[in-house]
Amino acid sequence: MTEETNVNQPQDNSTEEITQDNTTNTTQESVQKTQPKKATAKTNTGAKTTQRKKRVKPDLNELVACRSVVDGGLTYKSKKSGTRVRWDNFGDEEYLEVGELVTMRSSDKKFLYEPWIIVEDDQGDVIEFLGLKKMYEDMIGIDEIENLFKKSPKKISELLKKTPSGIKETVASKARKAIENGDLYDLRVIGVLEKELGVQLKIFLDEDNE
């Protein structure tokens, strides 16, 4: 019987080895399940991607019309080329090269951003290239300035709230002249203009109109 016991011992060891292997495999599988999966890059062809639209660089030698929005004379002298341009009256039109407008943007940006002049570009490439598109979309147009005082006080207020300071100065100057000439006498309109422009206009009224 002792010999039979000795013969059976290897079978027991074999069983232990199988049990250890199974335990090891089970442990490895458990570790694999608990470990976070590595993120894999997936290409979603249906997803929308937002890309910033690049500004198209126009021909720097192209001539574009520029209209004055200053109520009076306006002179520009290029610090780079020495070019001198003169607008004598509001609405006057002169032509400048795109390259000169780029110089203006760097050295005399008030001409473009107050603004004192409006770039008239039918295609819109130059306006977008100079970064003027958003401002032009919001502000009152040149033609509207002439007829602004005929609008309702509410509409005047809405338009002027979006108007940059350079245009407001022009509106204030034209309002004063219109009051002095007797063309503007509606106290409601004058009151809105004073509020939105931050100027005193009633002082230019004749005593008979107050």
C-alpha atoms as a PDB file:
ATOM      1  CA  MET A   1       0.000   0.000   0.000  1.00  0.00           C
ATOM      2  CA  THR A   2       2.894   2.296   0.609  1.00  0.00           C
ATOM      3  CA  GLU A   3       4.064   1.832  -2.935  1.00  0.00           C
ATOM      4  CA  GLU A   4       0.610   2.621  -4.309  1.00  0.00           C
ATOM      5  CA  THR A   5       0.661   5.850  -2.364  1.00  0.00           C
ATOM      6  CA  ASN A   6       4.019   6.791  -3.866  1.00  0.00           C
ATOM      7  CA  VAL A   7       2.772   6.056  -7.380  1.00  0.00           C
ATOM      8  CA  ASN A   8      -0.302   8.243  -7.009  1.00  0.00           C
ATOM      9  CA  GLN A   9       1.638  11.331  -5.782  1.00  0.00           C
ATOM     10  CA  PRO A  10       2.623  12.572  -9.255  1.00  0.00           C
ATOM     11  CA  GLN A  11      -1.024  12.599 -10.212  1.00  0.00           C
ATOM     12  CA  ASP A  12      -1.719  14.882  -7.278  1.00  0.00           C
ATOM     13  CA  ASN A  13       1.128  17.216  -8.347  1.00  0.00           C
ATOM     14  CA  SER A  14      -0.266  17.243 -11.842  1.00  0.00           C
ATOM     15  CA  THR A  15      -3.598  18.347 -10.495  1.00  0.00           C
ATOM     16  CA  GLU A  16      -1.974  21.153  -8.506  1.00  0.00           C
ATOM     17  CA  GLU A  17      -0.159  22.422 -11.593  1.00  0.00           C
ATOM     18  CA  ILE A  18      -3.355  22.529 -13.610  1.00  0.00           C
ATOM     19  CA  THR A  19      -5.089  24.376 -10.807  1.00  0.00           C
ATOM     20  CA  GLN A  20      -2.261  26.931 -10.642  1.00  0.00           C
ATOM     21  CA  ASP A  21      -2.372  27.456 -14.413  1.00  0.00           C
ATOM     22  CA  ASN A  22      -6.124  27.976 -14.348  1.00  0.00           C
ATOM     23  CA  THR A  23      -5.759  30.422 -11.479  1.00  0.00           C
ATOM     24  CA  THR A  24      -3.103  32.357 -13.352  1.00  0.00           C
ATOM     25  CA  ASN A  25      -5.199  32.534 -16.503  1.00  0.00           C
ATOM     26  CA  THR A  26      -8.228  33.640 -14.531  1.00  0.00           C
ATOM     27  CA  THR A  27      -6.189  36.344 -12.790  1.00  0.00           C
ATOM     28  CA  GLN A  28      -4.776  37.621 -16.091  1.00  0.00           C
ATOM     29  CA  GLU A  29      -8.252  37.732 -17.612  1.00  0.00           C
ATOM     30  CA  SER A  30      -9.490  39.636 -14.568  1.00  0.00           C
ATOM     31  CA  VAL A  31      -6.661  42.182 -14.876  1.00  0.00           C
ATOM     32  CA  GLN A  32      -7.333  42.623 -18.563  1.00  0.00           C
ATOM     33  CA  LYS A  33     -11.005  43.279 -17.879  1.00  0.00           C
ATOM     34  CA  THR A  34     -10.312  45.820 -15.144  1.00  0.00           C
ATOM     35  CA  GLN A  35      -7.682  47.749 -17.104  1.00  0.00           C
ATOM     36  CA  PRO A  36      -9.160  50.693 -19.026  1.00  0.00           C
ATOM     37  CA  LYS A  37      -9.207  50.252 -22.729  1.00  0.00           C
ATOM     38  CA  LYS A  38      -6.889  52.464 -24.705  1.00  0.00           C
ATOM     39  CA  ALA A  39      -8.689  55.060 -26.715  1.00  0.00           C
ATOM     40  CA  THR A  40      -8.627  54.344 -30.376  1.00  0.00           C
ATOM     41  CA  ALA A  41      -8.910  57.069 -32.934  1.00  0.00           C
ATOM     42  CA  LYS A  42     -11.999  56.790 -35.048  1.00  0.00           C
ATOM     43  CA  THR A  43     -12.727  58.748 -38.130  1.00  0.00           C
ATOM     44  CA  ASN A  44     -16.284  59.974 -38.200  1.00  0.00           C
ATOM     45  CA  THR A  45     -16.930  60.990 -41.733  1.00  0.00           C
ATOM     46  CA  GLY A  46     -20.345  62.334 -40.814  1.00  0.00           C
ATOM     47  CA  ALA A  47     -19.097  64.728 -38.108  1.00  0.00           C
ATOM     48  CA  LYS A  48     -18.978  68.427 -38.949  1.00  0.00           C
ATOM     49  CA  THR A  49     -15.652  70.161 -38.504  1.00  0.00           C
ATOM     50  CA  THR A  50     -15.410  73.887 -37.943  1.00  0.00           C
ATOM     51  CA  GLN A  51     -12.570  75.505 -39.789  1.00  0.00           C
ATOM     52  CA  ARG A  52     -11.699  79.190 -39.741  1.00  0.00           C
ATOM     53  CA  LYS A  53     -12.081  80.623 -43.175  1.00  0.00           C
ATOM     54  CA  LYS A  54      -8.830  82.081 -44.413  1.00  0.00           C
ATOM     55  CA  ARG A  55      -8.950  85.637 -45.660  1.00  0.00           C
ATOM     56  CA  VAL A  56      -8.286  85.878 -49.346  1.00  0.00           C
ATOM     57  CA  LYS A  57      -5.413  88.268 -49.957  1.00  0.00           C
ATOM     58  CA  PRO A  58      -6.417  90.689 -52.697  1.00  0.00           C
ATOM     59  CA  ASP A  59      -4.089  92.311 -55.214  1.00  0.00           C
ATOM     60  CA  LEU A  60      -2.270  95.028 -53.265  1.00  0.00           C
ATOM     61  CA  ASN A  61      -2.096  97.168 -56.411  1.00  0.00           C
ATOM     62  CA  GLU A  62      -5.863  97.098 -56.900  1.00  0.00           C
ATOM     63  CA  LEU A  63      -7.575 100.488 -56.667  1.00  0.00           C
ATOM     64  CA  VAL A  64     -10.704 100.708 -54.517  1.00  0.00           C
ATOM     65  CA  ALA A  65     -13.108 103.588 -53.936  1.00  0.00           C
ATOM     66  CA  CYS A  66     -13.039 105.201 -50.494  1.00  0.00           C
ATOM     67  CA  ARG A  67     -15.750 107.663 -49.415  1.00  0.00           C
ATOM     68  CA  SER A  68     -15.378 110.226 -46.688  1.00  0.00           C
ATOM     69  CA  VAL A  69     -17.851 110.109 -43.802  1.00  0.00           C
ATOM     70  CA  VAL A  70     -16.470 113.251 -42.175  1.00  0.00           C
ATOM     71  CA  ASP A  71     -18.676 116.325 -42.236  1.00  0.00           C
ATOM     72  CA  GLY A  72     -16.060 118.622 -43.756  1.00  0.00           C
ATOM     73  CA  GLY A  73     -12.567 118.254 -45.201  1.00  0.00           C
ATOM     74  CA  LEU A  74     -10.346 115.232 -44.615  1.00  0.00           C
ATOM     75  CA  THR A  75      -6.705 114.679 -45.602  1.00  0.00           C
ATOM     76  CA  TYR A  76      -4.641 111.508 -45.518  1.00  0.00           C
ATOM     77  CA  LYS A  77      -0.869 111.417 -45.970  1.00  0.00           C
ATOM     78  CA  SER A  78       0.850 108.038 -46.151  1.00  0.00           C
ATOM     79  CA  LYS A  79       3.720 107.567 -43.731  1.00  0.00           C
ATOM     80  CA  LYS A  80       5.195 104.967 -46.076  1.00  0.00           C
ATOM     81  CA  SER A  81       4.909 106.433 -49.572  1.00  0.00           C
ATOM     82  CA  GLY A  82       4.124 110.083 -48.863  1.00  0.00           C
ATOM     83  CA  THR A  83       0.929 109.782 -50.913  1.00  0.00           C
ATOM     84  CA  ARG A  84      -1.513 112.582 -50.103  1.00  0.00           C
ATOM     85  CA  VAL A  85      -5.266 112.217 -50.565  1.00  0.00           C
ATOM     86  CA  ARG A  86      -7.856 114.912 -49.927  1.00  0.00           C
ATOM     87  CA  TRP A  87     -11.618 114.629 -49.461  1.00  0.00           C
ATOM     88  CA  ASP A  88     -13.248 118.074 -49.419  1.00  0.00           C
ATOM     89  CA  ASN A  89     -16.767 117.110 -48.362  1.00  0.00           C
ATOM     90  CA  PHE A  90     -18.836 114.373 -46.785  1.00  0.00           C
ATOM     91  CA  GLY A  91     -19.487 111.611 -49.322  1.00  0.00           C
ATOM     92  CA  ASP A  92     -16.570 112.559 -51.593  1.00  0.00           C
ATOM     93  CA  GLU A  93     -14.907 109.589 -53.263  1.00  0.00           C
ATOM     94  CA  GLU A  94     -11.199 108.974 -53.855  1.00  0.00           C
ATOM     95  CA  TYR A  95      -9.338 105.847 -54.964  1.00  0.00           C
ATOM     96  CA  LEU A  96      -6.589 104.169 -52.961  1.00  0.00           C
ATOM     97  CA  GLU A  97      -4.541 101.043 -53.587  1.00  0.00           C
ATOM     98  CA  VAL A  98      -5.211  98.094 -51.301  1.00  0.00           C
ATOM     99  CA  GLY A  99      -1.559  98.213 -50.260  1.00  0.00           C
ATOM    100  CA  GLU A 100      -2.034 101.823 -49.139  1.00  0.00           C
ATOM    101  CA  LEU A 101      -5.063 100.785 -47.085  1.00  0.00           C
ATOM    102  CA  VAL A 102      -2.905  98.144 -45.401  1.00  0.00           C
ATOM    103  CA  THR A 103      -0.423 100.888 -44.523  1.00  0.00           C
ATOM    104  CA  MET A 104      -3.292 103.030 -43.279  1.00  0.00           C
ATOM    105  CA  ARG A 105      -4.487 100.181 -41.063  1.00  0.00           C
ATOM    106  CA  SER A 106      -1.083 100.053 -39.370  1.00  0.00           C
ATOM    107  CA  SER A 107      -0.221 103.753 -39.072  1.00  0.00           C
ATOM    108  CA  ASP A 108      -3.513 105.690 -39.204  1.00  0.00           C
ATOM    109  CA  LYS A 109      -6.141 103.138 -38.210  1.00  0.00           C
ATOM    110  CA  LYS A 110      -8.700 105.791 -37.223  1.00  0.00           C
ATOM    111  CA  PHE A 111      -9.372 106.393 -40.915  1.00  0.00           C
ATOM    112  CA  LEU A 112     -10.672 102.826 -41.155  1.00  0.00           C
ATOM    113  CA  TYR A 113     -11.968 102.030 -37.685  1.00  0.00           C
ATOM    114  CA  GLU A 114     -13.492 105.257 -36.375  1.00  0.00           C
ATOM    115  CA  PRO A 115     -14.210 105.328 -39.323  1.00  0.00           C
ATOM    116  CA  TRP A 116     -13.427 108.476 -41.277  1.00  0.00           C
ATOM    117  CA  ILE A 117     -13.639 106.744 -44.636  1.00  0.00           C
ATOM    118  CA  ILE A 118     -15.708 103.829 -45.955  1.00  0.00           C
ATOM    119  CA  VAL A 119     -14.133 101.317 -48.328  1.00  0.00           C
ATOM    120  CA  GLU A 120     -16.537 100.526 -51.148  1.00  0.00           C
ATOM    121  CA  ASP A 121     -15.796  97.021 -52.361  1.00  0.00           C
ATOM    122  CA  ASP A 122     -18.549  95.237 -54.275  1.00  0.00           C
ATOM    123  CA  GLN A 123     -16.881  91.828 -53.991  1.00  0.00           C
ATOM    124  CA  GLY A 124     -16.205  92.228 -50.275  1.00  0.00           C
ATOM    125  CA  ASP A 125     -12.731  90.666 -50.419  1.00  0.00           C
ATOM    126  CA  VAL A 126     -10.909  93.872 -49.513  1.00  0.00           C
ATOM    127  CA  ILE A 127     -13.330  94.701 -46.704  1.00  0.00           C
ATOM    128  CA  GLU A 128     -12.923  91.234 -45.200  1.00  0.00           C
ATOM    129  CA  PHE A 129      -9.145  91.289 -45.668  1.00  0.00           C
ATOM    130  CA  LEU A 130      -8.931  94.560 -43.713  1.00  0.00           C
ATOM    131  CA  GLY A 131     -11.156  93.190 -40.918  1.00  0.00           C
ATOM    132  CA  LEU A 132     -13.986  95.655 -41.546  1.00  0.00           C
ATOM    133  CA  LYS A 133     -16.823  93.284 -42.456  1.00  0.00           C
ATOM    134  CA  LYS A 134     -18.492  93.008 -39.017  1.00  0.00           C
ATOM    135  CA  MET A 135     -18.340  96.745 -38.376  1.00  0.00           C
ATOM    136  CA  TYR A 136     -19.828  97.550 -41.781  1.00  0.00           C
ATOM    137  CA  GLU A 137     -22.656  95.073 -41.245  1.00  0.00           C
ATOM    138  CA  ASP A 138     -23.686  96.708 -37.957  1.00  0.00           C
ATOM    139  CA  MET A 139     -23.260 100.420 -38.580  1.00  0.00           C
ATOM    140  CA  ILE A 140     -25.526 102.896 -40.296  1.00  0.00           C
ATOM    141  CA  GLY A 141     -24.871 103.381 -44.006  1.00  0.00           C
ATOM    142  CA  ILE A 142     -23.681 106.617 -45.608  1.00  0.00           C
ATOM    143  CA  ASP A 143     -26.953 107.111 -47.450  1.00  0.00           C
ATOM    144  CA  GLU A 144     -28.924 106.588 -44.252  1.00  0.00           C
ATOM    145  CA  ILE A 145     -27.097 109.424 -42.497  1.00  0.00           C
ATOM    146  CA  GLU A 146     -28.660 111.977 -44.825  1.00  0.00           C
ATOM    147  CA  ASN A 147     -32.172 110.756 -44.017  1.00  0.00           C
ATOM    148  CA  LEU A 148     -31.596 109.794 -40.385  1.00  0.00           C
ATOM    149  CA  PHE A 149     -33.456 112.748 -38.882  1.00  0.00           C
ATOM    150  CA  LYS A 150     -36.635 111.825 -40.773  1.00  0.00           C
ATOM    151  CA  LYS A 151     -36.893 108.488 -38.997  1.00  0.00           C
ATOM    152  CA  SER A 152     -38.788 107.813 -35.782  1.00  0.00           C
ATOM    153  CA  PRO A 153     -36.995 108.463 -32.469  1.00  0.00           C
ATOM    154  CA  LYS A 154     -37.054 104.727 -31.722  1.00  0.00           C
ATOM    155  CA  LYS A 155     -35.447 103.829 -35.046  1.00  0.00           C
ATOM    156  CA  ILE A 156     -32.820 106.557 -34.649  1.00  0.00           C
ATOM    157  CA  SER A 157     -31.905 105.163 -31.247  1.00  0.00           C
ATOM    158  CA  GLU A 158     -31.572 101.616 -32.613  1.00  0.00           C
ATOM    159  CA  LEU A 159     -29.300 102.720 -35.452  1.00  0.00           C
ATOM    160  CA  LEU A 160     -27.044 104.908 -33.348  1.00  0.00           C
ATOM    161  CA  LYS A 161     -26.452 102.269 -30.685  1.00  0.00           C
ATOM    162  CA  LYS A 162     -24.478 100.228 -33.246  1.00  0.00           C
ATOM    163  CA  THR A 163     -22.728 103.205 -34.816  1.00  0.00           C
ATOM    164  CA  PRO A 164     -18.967 103.727 -34.252  1.00  0.00           C
ATOM    165  CA  SER A 165     -17.699 106.994 -32.809  1.00  0.00           C
ATOM    166  CA  GLY A 166     -16.487 108.515 -36.086  1.00  0.00           C
ATOM    167  CA  ILE A 167     -19.933 108.259 -37.658  1.00  0.00           C
ATOM    168  CA  LYS A 168     -21.527 109.633 -34.478  1.00  0.00           C
ATOM    169  CA  GLU A 169     -19.359 112.738 -34.753  1.00  0.00           C
ATOM    170  CA  THR A 170     -20.588 113.256 -38.299  1.00  0.00           C
ATOM    171  CA  VAL A 171     -24.223 112.766 -37.257  1.00  0.00           C
ATOM    172  CA  ALA A 172     -23.794 115.269 -34.435  1.00  0.00           C
ATOM    173  CA  SER A 173     -22.284 117.840 -36.818  1.00  0.00           C
ATOM    174  CA  LYS A 174     -25.075 117.365 -39.363  1.00  0.00           C
ATOM    175  CA  ALA A 175     -27.708 117.561 -36.630  1.00  0.00           C
ATOM    176  CA  ARG A 176     -26.340 120.870 -35.407  1.00  0.00           C
ATOM    177  CA  LYS A 177     -26.383 122.316 -38.942  1.00  0.00           C
ATOM    178  CA  ALA A 178     -29.903 121.007 -39.533  1.00  0.00           C
ATOM    179  CA  ILE A 179     -31.113 122.658 -36.330  1.00  0.00           C
ATOM    180  CA  GLU A 180     -29.436 125.958 -37.207  1.00  0.00           C
ATOM    181  CA  ASN A 181     -30.952 125.856 -40.695  1.00  0.00           C
ATOM    182  CA  GLY A 182     -34.385 125.134 -39.313  1.00  0.00           C
ATOM    183  CA  ASP A 183     -34.589 121.713 -40.971  1.00  0.00           C
ATOM    184  CA  LEU A 184     -34.545 119.838 -37.667  1.00  0.00           C
ATOM    185  CA  TYR A 185     -36.862 121.033 -34.922  1.00  0.00           C
ATOM    186  CA  ASP A 186     -38.619 117.912 -33.607  1.00  0.00           C
ATOM    187  CA  LEU A 187     -37.776 117.927 -29.899  1.00  0.00           C
ATOM    188  CA  ARG A 188     -38.274 114.180 -29.597  1.00  0.00           C
ATOM    189  CA  VAL A 189     -35.713 113.487 -32.321  1.00  0.00           C
ATOM    190  CA  ILE A 190     -33.314 116.045 -30.914  1.00  0.00           C
ATOM    191  CA  GLY A 191     -33.660 114.501 -27.460  1.00  0.00           C
ATOM    192  CA  VAL A 192     -32.776 111.021 -28.764  1.00  0.00           C
ATOM    193  CA  LEU A 193     -29.809 112.423 -30.673  1.00  0.00           C
ATOM    194  CA  GLU A 194     -28.506 114.137 -27.559  1.00  0.00           C
ATOM    195  CA  LYS A 195     -28.829 110.937 -25.559  1.00  0.00           C
ATOM    196  CA  GLU A 196     -27.202 108.589 -28.096  1.00  0.00           C
ATOM    197  CA  LEU A 197     -24.503 111.004 -29.261  1.00  0.00           C
ATOM    198  CA  GLY A 198     -23.646 112.467 -25.879  1.00  0.00           C
ATOM    199  CA  VAL A 199     -23.856 116.083 -27.114  1.00  0.00           C
ATOM    200  CA  GLN A 200     -25.985 119.166 -26.500  1.00  0.00           C
ATOM    201  CA  LEU A 201     -28.121 120.163 -29.465  1.00  0.00           C
ATOM    202  CA  LYS A 202     -31.076 122.057 -28.034  1.00  0.00           C
ATOM    203  CA  ILE A 203     -28.830 125.044 -27.417  1.00  0.00           C
ATOM    204  CA  PHE A 204     -28.780 125.586 -31.205  1.00  0.00           C
ATOM    205  CA  LEU A 205     -32.568 125.924 -31.387  1.00  0.00           C
ATOM    206  CA  ASP A 206     -34.113 129.318 -31.909  1.00  0.00           C
ATOM    207  CA  GLU A 207     -36.180 130.520 -28.988  1.00  0.00           C
ATOM    208  CA  ASP A 208     -39.299 130.305 -31.150  1.00  0.00           C
ATOM    209  CA  ASN A 209     -38.740 126.557 -31.678  1.00  0.00           C
ATOM    210  CA  GLU A 210     -38.062 125.662 -28.043  1.00  0.00           C
END
